[in-house]
Amino acid sequence: QVQLVESGGGLVQPGGSLRLSCVASGFTFSITTMRWYRQVPGKERELVATITSTGDSTNYADSVKGRFTISRDNAKNTVSLQMNSLKSEDTAVYYCNGFQYWGKGTLVTVSS
C-alpha cells in the first residue's frame, strides 16, 4: 500500500521559516524523482520543487527560488522542504508527489 504522509505545516509570520517533511512507503523511494506542489483554493496546483532520485539535481519555481530548499534522505524514505523568508503568498496546502502518488497535503498559513 502506497503512502505519502506530509507533516510540518502550520501558522507562521511573514519572514519566518517552516520545514515540511514527507515520509513515503509502498514503493521504491530511492529511484523516484520527488516533487512538492502547492495549491490555493480556486487555483491550479503549482509545482514548487523537484529533486531527482539521487538528490544530485533540484529545480524550483521562480517564486520560491533562493528561499526554499528541497532535500531527501533515501535511507529514511523522506523528502523535505525547508521554507525560509516566507511570504503571505506562500499560503497554500503543500503536497508531496512521487510517480502518480500523492499525499493528502499539509496546510501552510503565512500571516501576521
Protein backbone atom coordinates (compact mmCIF):
# COMPACT_ATOMS: atom_id res chain seq x y z
CA GLN A 1 0.00 0.00 0.00
CA VAL A 2 1.48 3.29 -1.13
CA GLN A 3 1.52 6.12 1.36
CA LEU A 4 2.91 9.64 1.31
CA VAL A 5 2.43 11.42 4.60
CA GLU A 6 3.25 15.11 4.89
CA SER A 7 3.87 16.96 8.12
CA GLY A 8 5.26 20.25 9.36
CA GLY A 9 2.66 22.72 8.18
CA GLY A 10 1.25 25.40 10.41
CA LEU A 11 0.86 29.11 11.02
CA VAL A 12 3.93 31.29 10.68
CA GLN A 13 4.53 35.03 10.48
CA PRO A 14 5.87 36.65 7.31
CA GLY A 15 9.62 36.29 7.20
CA GLY A 16 9.52 33.10 9.24
CA SER A 17 10.51 29.55 8.40
CA LEU A 18 8.93 26.12 8.27
CA ARG A 19 10.22 22.70 7.36
CA LEU A 20 7.89 20.25 5.68
CA SER A 21 8.56 16.53 5.62
CA CYS A 22 7.06 13.69 3.63
CA VAL A 23 7.54 10.05 4.56
CA ALA A 24 6.99 7.56 1.76
CA SER A 25 6.18 3.87 1.83
CA GLY A 26 4.93 1.18 -0.52
CA PHE A 27 7.15 1.97 -3.48
CA THR A 28 10.86 2.18 -4.26
CA PHE A 29 11.51 5.67 -2.99
CA SER A 30 15.22 5.64 -3.77
CA ILE A 31 14.66 5.52 -7.55
CA THR A 32 11.81 8.04 -7.61
CA THR A 33 12.01 11.69 -8.50
CA MET A 34 10.08 13.53 -5.81
CA ARG A 35 8.23 16.81 -6.00
CA TRP A 36 6.48 19.30 -3.77
CA TYR A 37 3.40 21.05 -5.10
CA ARG A 38 1.12 23.61 -3.53
CA GLN A 39 -2.45 24.66 -4.12
CA VAL A 40 -4.56 27.61 -3.11
CA PRO A 41 -8.32 27.04 -3.15
CA GLY A 42 -9.73 28.01 -6.52
CA LYS A 43 -6.35 27.88 -8.24
CA GLU A 44 -4.40 25.19 -10.08
CA ARG A 45 -1.88 23.07 -8.28
CA GLU A 46 1.60 24.60 -8.69
CA LEU A 47 4.90 22.73 -8.88
CA VAL A 48 7.19 24.17 -6.22
CA ALA A 49 10.31 22.00 -6.19
CA THR A 50 11.74 18.82 -7.70
CA ILE A 51 14.58 16.55 -6.60
CA THR A 52 16.00 13.64 -8.57
CA SER A 53 16.27 10.14 -7.12
CA THR A 54 19.87 10.59 -6.00
CA GLY A 55 19.37 14.15 -4.87
CA ASP A 56 22.04 15.47 -7.20
CA SER A 57 19.71 17.77 -9.08
CA THR A 58 16.98 20.11 -7.90
CA ASN A 59 14.65 22.61 -9.54
CA TYR A 60 12.46 25.33 -8.14
CA ALA A 61 9.61 27.55 -9.21
CA ASP A 62 10.80 31.10 -9.78
CA SER A 63 8.53 32.27 -6.98
CA VAL A 64 10.45 30.27 -4.35
CA LYS A 65 13.99 30.24 -5.73
CA GLY A 66 16.51 31.30 -3.13
CA ARG A 67 14.02 30.84 -0.29
CA PHE A 68 13.05 27.14 -0.42
CA THR A 69 15.32 24.10 -0.38
CA ILE A 70 14.25 20.56 -1.23
CA SER A 71 16.23 17.63 0.11
CA ARG A 72 15.85 13.90 0.61
CA ASP A 73 17.10 11.06 2.76
CA ASN A 74 16.78 7.80 0.88
CA ALA A 75 17.70 5.80 3.96
CA LYS A 76 14.62 7.20 5.70
CA ASN A 77 12.33 7.41 2.65
CA THR A 78 11.87 11.07 3.39
CA VAL A 79 11.76 14.22 1.29
CA SER A 80 11.78 17.62 2.94
CA LEU A 81 11.12 21.22 2.00
CA GLN A 82 12.86 23.93 4.01
CA MET A 83 10.96 27.18 3.56
CA ASN A 84 12.59 30.43 4.64
CA SER A 85 11.62 34.08 4.30
CA LEU A 86 8.00 33.06 3.98
CA LYS A 87 5.52 35.45 2.39
CA SER A 88 1.75 35.65 2.59
CA GLU A 89 1.56 34.40 -0.98
CA ASP A 90 3.19 31.13 0.12
CA THR A 91 -0.01 30.29 1.97
CA ALA A 92 -1.34 27.06 0.48
CA VAL A 93 -1.79 23.36 1.01
CA TYR A 94 1.51 21.66 0.22
CA TYR A 95 1.54 18.20 -1.36
CA CYS A 96 4.25 15.60 -1.72
CA ASN A 97 4.35 13.69 -5.02
CA GLY A 98 6.22 10.71 -6.42
CA PHE A 99 5.18 8.93 -9.66
CA GLN A 100 1.39 9.11 -9.67
CA TYR A 101 1.20 9.04 -5.90
CA TRP A 102 0.11 11.97 -3.77
CA GLY A 103 -0.06 12.76 -0.11
CA LYS A 104 -3.08 14.38 1.49
CA GLY A 105 -1.29 17.66 1.99
CA THR A 106 -0.29 19.90 4.85
CA LEU A 107 -1.56 23.45 5.27
CA VAL A 108 0.89 26.33 5.47
CA THR A 109 -0.52 29.69 6.52
CA VAL A 110 1.70 32.76 6.46
CA SER A 111 0.04 35.59 8.32
CA SER A 112 0.71 38.16 10.99
